[in-house]
């Protein structure tokens, strides 16, 4: 077994976890990207949100359900 130092808290761990995003090693407590405040995760999420833009123009000329229902 190889001892690794957690990049977040500095504790030595005999079972290190490597982050899929930043590729650093972490202890079991900080293994998740959210737990060690992974910088790469926020960049990847920002990129994905940019690709999936939500278009809220009301459709193709039809009134929305609420407008049809309430008659406005």
PDB file of N, CA and C in Angstrom:
ATOM      1  N   UNK A   1       0.836  -1.192   0.000  1.00  0.00           N
ATOM      2  CA  UNK A   1       0.000   0.000   0.000  1.00  0.00           C
ATOM      3  C   UNK A   1       0.870   1.241   0.000  1.00  0.00           C
ATOM      4  N   UNK A   2       0.404   2.232  -0.693  1.00  0.00           N
ATOM      5  CA  UNK A   2       1.139   3.488  -0.800  1.00  0.00           C
ATOM      6  C   UNK A   2       0.424   4.555   0.033  1.00  0.00           C
ATOM      7  N   UNK A   3       1.153   5.208   0.913  1.00  0.00           N
ATOM      8  CA  UNK A   3       0.582   6.290   1.699  1.00  0.00           C
ATOM      9  C   UNK A   3       0.581   7.563   0.868  1.00  0.00           C
ATOM     10  N   UNK A   4      -0.531   8.245   0.859  1.00  0.00           N
ATOM     11  CA  UNK A   4      -0.665   9.516   0.148  1.00  0.00           C
ATOM     12  C   UNK A   4      -1.149  10.576   1.113  1.00  0.00           C
ATOM     13  N   UNK A   5      -0.796  11.792   0.832  1.00  0.00           N
ATOM     14  CA  UNK A   5      -1.224  12.921   1.636  1.00  0.00           C
ATOM     15  C   UNK A   5      -2.442  13.548   0.965  1.00  0.00           C
ATOM     16  N   UNK A   6      -3.495  13.781   1.743  1.00  0.00           N
ATOM     17  CA  UNK A   6      -4.707  14.416   1.227  1.00  0.00           C
ATOM     18  C   UNK A   6      -4.366  15.853   0.816  1.00  0.00           C
ATOM     19  N   UNK A   7      -4.706  16.221  -0.387  1.00  0.00           N
ATOM     20  CA  UNK A   7      -4.404  17.564  -0.893  1.00  0.00           C
ATOM     21  C   UNK A   7      -5.275  18.637  -0.260  1.00  0.00           C
ATOM     22  N   UNK A   8      -6.321  18.240   0.428  1.00  0.00           N
ATOM     23  CA  UNK A   8      -7.206  19.221   1.057  1.00  0.00           C
ATOM     24  C   UNK A   8      -6.857  19.453   2.522  1.00  0.00           C
ATOM     25  N   UNK A   9      -6.792  18.363   3.298  1.00  0.00           N
ATOM     26  CA  UNK A   9      -6.554  18.522   4.740  1.00  0.00           C
ATOM     27  C   UNK A   9      -5.129  18.178   5.155  1.00  0.00           C
ATOM     28  N   UNK A  10      -4.383  17.486   4.309  1.00  0.00           N
ATOM     29  CA  UNK A  10      -3.001  17.152   4.618  1.00  0.00           C
ATOM     30  C   UNK A  10      -2.821  15.874   5.413  1.00  0.00           C
ATOM     31  N   UNK A  11      -3.887  15.167   5.747  1.00  0.00           N
ATOM     32  CA  UNK A  11      -3.778  13.907   6.487  1.00  0.00           C
ATOM     33  C   UNK A  11      -3.206  12.819   5.583  1.00  0.00           C
ATOM     34  N   UNK A  12      -2.400  11.946   6.183  1.00  0.00           N
ATOM     35  CA  UNK A  12      -1.868  10.798   5.453  1.00  0.00           C
ATOM     36  C   UNK A  12      -2.938   9.711   5.427  1.00  0.00           C
ATOM     37  N   UNK A  13      -3.139   9.101   4.284  1.00  0.00           N
ATOM     38  CA  UNK A  13      -4.136   8.046   4.153  1.00  0.00           C
ATOM     39  C   UNK A  13      -3.549   6.886   3.376  1.00  0.00           C
ATOM     40  N   UNK A  14      -3.896   5.663   3.811  1.00  0.00           N
ATOM     41  CA  UNK A  14      -3.413   4.474   3.112  1.00  0.00           C
ATOM     42  C   UNK A  14      -4.349   4.053   1.984  1.00  0.00           C
ATOM     43  N   UNK A  15      -5.502   4.711   1.891  1.00  0.00           N
ATOM     44  CA  UNK A  15      -6.447   4.428   0.817  1.00  0.00           C
ATOM     45  C   UNK A  15      -6.830   5.741   0.130  1.00  0.00           C
ATOM     46  N   UNK A  16      -5.936   6.290  -0.686  1.00  0.00           N
ATOM     47  CA  UNK A  16      -6.225   7.586  -1.314  1.00  0.00           C
ATOM     48  C   UNK A  16      -7.208   7.446  -2.475  1.00  0.00           C
ATOM     49  N   UNK A  17      -7.989   8.477  -2.646  1.00  0.00           N
ATOM     50  CA  UNK A  17      -8.928   8.550  -3.766  1.00  0.00           C
ATOM     51  C   UNK A  17      -8.439   9.640  -4.705  1.00  0.00           C
ATOM     52  N   UNK A  18      -8.416   9.342  -5.992  1.00  0.00           N
ATOM     53  CA  UNK A  18      -8.002  10.340  -6.976  1.00  0.00           C
ATOM     54  C   UNK A  18      -9.242  10.973  -7.594  1.00  0.00           C
ATOM     55  N   UNK A  19      -9.273  12.294  -7.595  1.00  0.00           N
ATOM     56  CA  UNK A  19     -10.399  13.025  -8.163  1.00  0.00           C
ATOM     57  C   UNK A  19     -10.401  12.865  -9.678  1.00  0.00           C
ATOM     58  N   UNK A  20     -11.560  12.620 -10.250  1.00  0.00           N
ATOM     59  CA  UNK A  20     -11.673  12.474 -11.705  1.00  0.00           C
ATOM     60  C   UNK A  20     -11.478  13.795 -12.441  1.00  0.00           C
ATOM     61  N   UNK A  21     -11.653  14.906 -11.746  1.00  0.00           N
ATOM     62  CA  UNK A  21     -11.571  16.210 -12.391  1.00  0.00           C
ATOM     63  C   UNK A  21     -10.182  16.833 -12.271  1.00  0.00           C
ATOM     64  N   UNK A  22      -9.684  16.993 -11.033  1.00  0.00           N
ATOM     65  CA  UNK A  22      -8.397  17.671 -10.837  1.00  0.00           C
ATOM     66  C   UNK A  22      -7.225  16.696 -10.746  1.00  0.00           C
ATOM     67  N   UNK A  23      -7.477  15.399 -10.624  1.00  0.00           N
ATOM     68  CA  UNK A  23      -6.471  14.338 -10.575  1.00  0.00           C
ATOM     69  C   UNK A  23      -5.605  14.358  -9.320  1.00  0.00           C
ATOM     70  N   UNK A  24      -5.984  15.107  -8.283  1.00  0.00           N
ATOM     71  CA  UNK A  24      -5.257  15.110  -7.018  1.00  0.00           C
ATOM     72  C   UNK A  24      -5.766  13.965  -6.139  1.00  0.00           C
ATOM     73  N   UNK A  25      -4.996  13.627  -5.093  1.00  0.00           N
ATOM     74  CA  UNK A  25      -5.361  12.550  -4.184  1.00  0.00           C
ATOM     75  C   UNK A  25      -5.963  13.121  -2.906  1.00  0.00           C
ATOM     76  N   UNK A  26      -6.986  12.405  -2.374  1.00  0.00           N
ATOM     77  CA  UNK A  26      -7.702  12.872  -1.200  1.00  0.00           C
ATOM     78  C   UNK A  26      -8.012  11.708  -0.268  1.00  0.00           C
ATOM     79  N   UNK A  27      -8.234  12.045   1.006  1.00  0.00           N
ATOM     80  CA  UNK A  27      -8.644  11.056   2.000  1.00  0.00           C
ATOM     81  C   UNK A  27     -10.116  10.707   1.748  1.00  0.00           C
ATOM     82  N   UNK A  28     -10.614   9.640   2.389  1.00  0.00           N
ATOM     83  CA  UNK A  28     -12.025   9.259   2.188  1.00  0.00           C
ATOM     84  C   UNK A  28     -13.016  10.368   2.523  1.00  0.00           C
ATOM     85  N   UNK A  29     -12.681  11.222   3.471  1.00  0.00           N
ATOM     86  CA  UNK A  29     -13.594  12.296   3.866  1.00  0.00           C
ATOM     87  C   UNK A  29     -13.723  13.376   2.782  1.00  0.00           C
ATOM     88  N   UNK A  30     -12.658  13.599   2.025  1.00  0.00           N
ATOM     89  CA  UNK A  30     -12.656  14.659   1.012  1.00  0.00           C
ATOM     90  C   UNK A  30     -12.579  14.112  -0.414  1.00  0.00           C
ATOM     91  N   UNK A  31     -13.007  12.881  -0.622  1.00  0.00           N
ATOM     92  CA  UNK A  31     -12.880  12.249  -1.934  1.00  0.00           C
ATOM     93  C   UNK A  31     -13.817  12.831  -2.986  1.00  0.00           C
ATOM     94  N   UNK A  32     -14.983  13.325  -2.573  1.00  0.00           N
ATOM     95  CA  UNK A  32     -15.937  13.877  -3.533  1.00  0.00           C
ATOM     96  C   UNK A  32     -15.525  15.291  -3.948  1.00  0.00           C
ATOM     97  N   UNK A  33     -15.743  15.653  -5.200  1.00  0.00           N
ATOM     98  CA  UNK A  33     -15.363  16.999  -5.668  1.00  0.00           C
ATOM     99  C   UNK A  33     -16.005  18.118  -4.859  1.00  0.00           C
ATOM    100  N   UNK A  34     -17.222  17.907  -4.398  1.00  0.00           N
ATOM    101  CA  UNK A  34     -17.903  18.922  -3.599  1.00  0.00           C
ATOM    102  C   UNK A  34     -17.252  19.087  -2.228  1.00  0.00           C
ATOM    103  N   UNK A  35     -16.653  18.011  -1.707  1.00  0.00           N
ATOM    104  CA  UNK A  35     -16.050  18.042  -0.382  1.00  0.00           C
ATOM    105  C   UNK A  35     -14.691  18.741  -0.363  1.00  0.00           C
ATOM    106  N   UNK A  36     -13.956  18.687  -1.478  1.00  0.00           N
ATOM    107  CA  UNK A  36     -12.662  19.373  -1.504  1.00  0.00           C
ATOM    108  C   UNK A  36     -12.684  20.624  -2.380  1.00  0.00           C
ATOM    109  N   UNK A  37     -13.878  21.095  -2.681  1.00  0.00           N
ATOM    110  CA  UNK A  37     -14.076  22.328  -3.454  1.00  0.00           C
ATOM    111  C   UNK A  37     -13.242  22.322  -4.735  1.00  0.00           C
ATOM    112  N   UNK A  38     -13.468  21.314  -5.529  1.00  0.00           N
ATOM    113  CA  UNK A  38     -12.708  21.105  -6.760  1.00  0.00           C
ATOM    114  C   UNK A  38     -12.943  22.258  -7.736  1.00  0.00           C
ATOM    115  N   UNK A  39     -11.859  22.873  -8.154  1.00  0.00           N
ATOM    116  CA  UNK A  39     -11.943  23.999  -9.093  1.00  0.00           C
ATOM    117  C   UNK A  39     -12.369  23.516 -10.469  1.00  0.00           C
ATOM    118  N   UNK A  40     -11.899  22.361 -10.874  1.00  0.00           N
ATOM    119  CA  UNK A  40     -12.242  21.830 -12.199  1.00  0.00           C
ATOM    120  C   UNK A  40     -13.734  21.519 -12.301  1.00  0.00           C
ATOM    121  N   UNK A  41     -14.348  21.106 -11.215  1.00  0.00           N
ATOM    122  CA  UNK A  41     -15.768  20.779 -11.241  1.00  0.00           C
ATOM    123  C   UNK A  41     -16.605  22.005 -11.573  1.00  0.00           C
ATOM    124  N   UNK A  42     -16.278  23.138 -10.979  1.00  0.00           N
ATOM    125  CA  UNK A  42     -17.047  24.349 -11.271  1.00  0.00           C
ATOM    126  C   UNK A  42     -16.851  24.778 -12.722  1.00  0.00           C
ATOM    127  N   UNK A  43     -15.658  24.581 -13.266  1.00  0.00           N
ATOM    128  CA  UNK A  43     -15.424  24.919 -14.674  1.00  0.00           C
ATOM    129  C   UNK A  43     -16.215  24.007 -15.600  1.00  0.00           C
ATOM    130  N   UNK A  44     -16.257  22.722 -15.279  1.00  0.00           N
ATOM    131  CA  UNK A  44     -16.991  21.771 -16.111  1.00  0.00           C
ATOM    132  C   UNK A  44     -18.492  22.045 -16.033  1.00  0.00           C
ATOM    133  N   UNK A  45     -19.005  22.338 -14.835  1.00  0.00           N
ATOM    134  CA  UNK A  45     -20.429  22.658 -14.711  1.00  0.00           C
ATOM    135  C   UNK A  45     -20.781  23.915 -15.478  1.00  0.00           C
ATOM    136  N   UNK A  46     -19.926  24.926 -15.430  1.00  0.00           N
ATOM    137  CA  UNK A  46     -20.188  26.165 -16.159  1.00  0.00           C
ATOM    138  C   UNK A  46     -20.217  25.900 -17.655  1.00  0.00           C
ATOM    139  N   UNK A  47     -19.331  25.060 -18.124  1.00  0.00           N
ATOM    140  CA  UNK A  47     -19.289  24.727 -19.551  1.00  0.00           C
ATOM    141  C   UNK A  47     -20.544  23.979 -19.960  1.00  0.00           C
ATOM    142  N   UNK A  48     -21.000  23.024 -19.135  1.00  0.00           N
ATOM    143  CA  UNK A  48     -22.198  22.254 -19.471  1.00  0.00           C
ATOM    144  C   UNK A  48     -23.454  23.103 -19.435  1.00  0.00           C
ATOM    145  N   UNK A  49     -23.553  24.018 -18.478  1.00  0.00           N
ATOM    146  CA  UNK A  49     -24.720  24.899 -18.440  1.00  0.00           C
ATOM    147  C   UNK A  49     -24.742  25.796 -19.665  1.00  0.00           C
ATOM    148  N   UNK A  50     -23.583  26.190 -20.154  1.00  0.00           N
ATOM    149  CA  UNK A  50     -23.515  27.025 -21.344  1.00  0.00           C
ATOM    150  C   UNK A  50     -24.000  26.297 -22.581  1.00  0.00           C
ATOM    151  N   UNK A  51     -23.784  24.971 -22.640  1.00  0.00           N
ATOM    152  CA  UNK A  51     -24.211  24.184 -23.793  1.00  0.00           C
ATOM    153  C   UNK A  51     -25.714  23.940 -23.793  1.00  0.00           C
ATOM    154  N   UNK A  52     -26.318  23.876 -22.624  1.00  0.00           N
ATOM    155  CA  UNK A  52     -27.747  23.572 -22.526  1.00  0.00           C
ATOM    156  C   UNK A  52     -28.524  24.834 -22.190  1.00  0.00           C
ATOM    157  N   UNK A  53     -28.620  25.698 -23.115  1.00  0.00           N
ATOM    158  CA  UNK A  53     -29.369  26.928 -22.876  1.00  0.00           C
ATOM    159  C   UNK A  53     -30.863  26.629 -22.944  1.00  0.00           C
ATOM    160  N   UNK A  54     -31.583  27.166 -22.018  1.00  0.00           N
ATOM    161  CA  UNK A  54     -33.029  26.970 -21.975  1.00  0.00           C
ATOM    162  C   UNK A  54     -33.677  28.128 -22.714  1.00  0.00           C
ATOM    163  N   UNK A  55     -34.488  27.786 -23.710  1.00  0.00           N
ATOM    164  CA  UNK A  55     -35.172  28.813 -24.487  1.00  0.00           C
ATOM    165  C   UNK A  55     -36.576  28.967 -23.917  1.00  0.00           C
ATOM    166  N   UNK A  56     -36.884  30.148 -23.458  1.00  0.00           N
ATOM    167  CA  UNK A  56     -38.192  30.409 -22.845  1.00  0.00           C
ATOM    168  C   UNK A  56     -38.952  31.451 -23.664  1.00  0.00           C
ATOM    169  N   UNK A  57     -39.139  31.157 -24.923  1.00  0.00           N
ATOM    170  CA  UNK A  57     -39.839  32.121 -25.772  1.00  0.00           C
ATOM    171  C   UNK A  57     -41.324  31.811 -25.901  1.00  0.00           C
ATOM    172  N   UNK A  58     -41.812  30.780 -25.207  1.00  0.00           N
ATOM    173  CA  UNK A  58     -43.238  30.475 -25.242  1.00  0.00           C
ATOM    174  C   UNK A  58     -43.628  29.507 -26.334  1.00  0.00           C
ATOM    175  N   UNK A  59     -42.698  28.969 -27.047  1.00  0.00           N
ATOM    176  CA  UNK A  59     -43.030  27.981 -28.068  1.00  0.00           C
ATOM    177  C   UNK A  59     -43.144  28.611 -29.451  1.00  0.00           C
ATOM    178  N   UNK A  60     -43.919  27.968 -30.316  1.00  0.00           N
ATOM    179  CA  UNK A  60     -44.030  28.399 -31.712  1.00  0.00           C
ATOM    180  C   UNK A  60     -45.327  29.147 -31.943  1.00  0.00           C
ATOM    181  N   UNK A  61     -45.493  30.257 -31.291  1.00  0.00           N
ATOM    182  CA  UNK A  61     -46.665  31.082 -31.514  1.00  0.00           C
ATOM    183  C   UNK A  61     -47.897  30.663 -30.744  1.00  0.00           C
ATOM    184  N   UNK A  62     -47.865  29.545 -30.056  1.00  0.00           N
ATOM    185  CA  UNK A  62     -49.012  29.101 -29.281  1.00  0.00           C
ATOM    186  C   UNK A  62     -48.956  29.743 -27.901  1.00  0.00           C
ATOM    187  N   UNK A  63     -50.115  29.966 -27.325  1.00  0.00           N
ATOM    188  CA  UNK A  63     -50.166  30.493 -25.966  1.00  0.00           C
ATOM    189  C   UNK A  63     -49.727  29.409 -24.989  1.00  0.00           C
ATOM    190  N   UNK A  64     -49.103  29.808 -23.924  1.00  0.00           N
ATOM    191  CA  UNK A  64     -48.677  28.838 -22.924  1.00  0.00           C
ATOM    192  C   UNK A  64     -49.896  28.234 -22.232  1.00  0.00           C
ATOM    193  N   UNK A  65     -49.676  27.162 -21.535  1.00  0.00           N
ATOM    194  CA  UNK A  65     -50.763  26.461 -20.861  1.00  0.00           C
ATOM    195  C   UNK A  65     -51.475  27.368 -19.868  1.00  0.00           C
ATOM    196  N   UNK A  66     -50.712  28.090 -19.067  1.00  0.00           N
ATOM    197  CA  UNK A  66     -51.337  28.957 -18.068  1.00  0.00           C
ATOM    198  C   UNK A  66     -52.115  30.088 -18.724  1.00  0.00           C
ATOM    199  N   UNK A  67     -51.577  30.634 -19.789  1.00  0.00           N
ATOM    200  CA  UNK A  67     -52.301  31.712 -20.475  1.00  0.00           C
ATOM    201  C   UNK A  67     -53.585  31.191 -21.110  1.00  0.00           C
ATOM    202  N   UNK A  68     -53.524  29.981 -21.660  1.00  0.00           N
ATOM    203  CA  UNK A  68     -54.740  29.394 -22.226  1.00  0.00           C
ATOM    204  C   UNK A  68     -55.753  29.089 -21.122  1.00  0.00           C
ATOM    205  N   UNK A  69     -55.249  28.592 -20.014  1.00  0.00           N
ATOM    206  CA  UNK A  69     -56.130  28.186 -18.906  1.00  0.00           C
ATOM    207  C   UNK A  69     -56.806  29.397 -18.274  1.00  0.00           C
ATOM    208  N   UNK A  70     -56.027  30.462 -18.029  1.00  0.00           N
ATOM    209  CA  UNK A  70     -56.572  31.651 -17.377  1.00  0.00           C
ATOM    210  C   UNK A  70     -57.105  32.681 -18.371  1.00  0.00           C
ATOM    211  N   UNK A  71     -56.891  32.482 -19.637  1.00  0.00           N
ATOM    212  CA  UNK A  71     -57.419  33.372 -20.648  1.00  0.00           C
ATOM    213  C   UNK A  71     -56.726  34.719 -20.721  1.00  0.00           C
ATOM    214  N   UNK A  72     -55.472  34.786 -20.381  1.00  0.00           N
ATOM    215  CA  UNK A  72     -54.733  36.050 -20.456  1.00  0.00           C
ATOM    216  C   UNK A  72     -53.777  36.053 -21.585  1.00  0.00           C
TER     217      UNK A  72
END
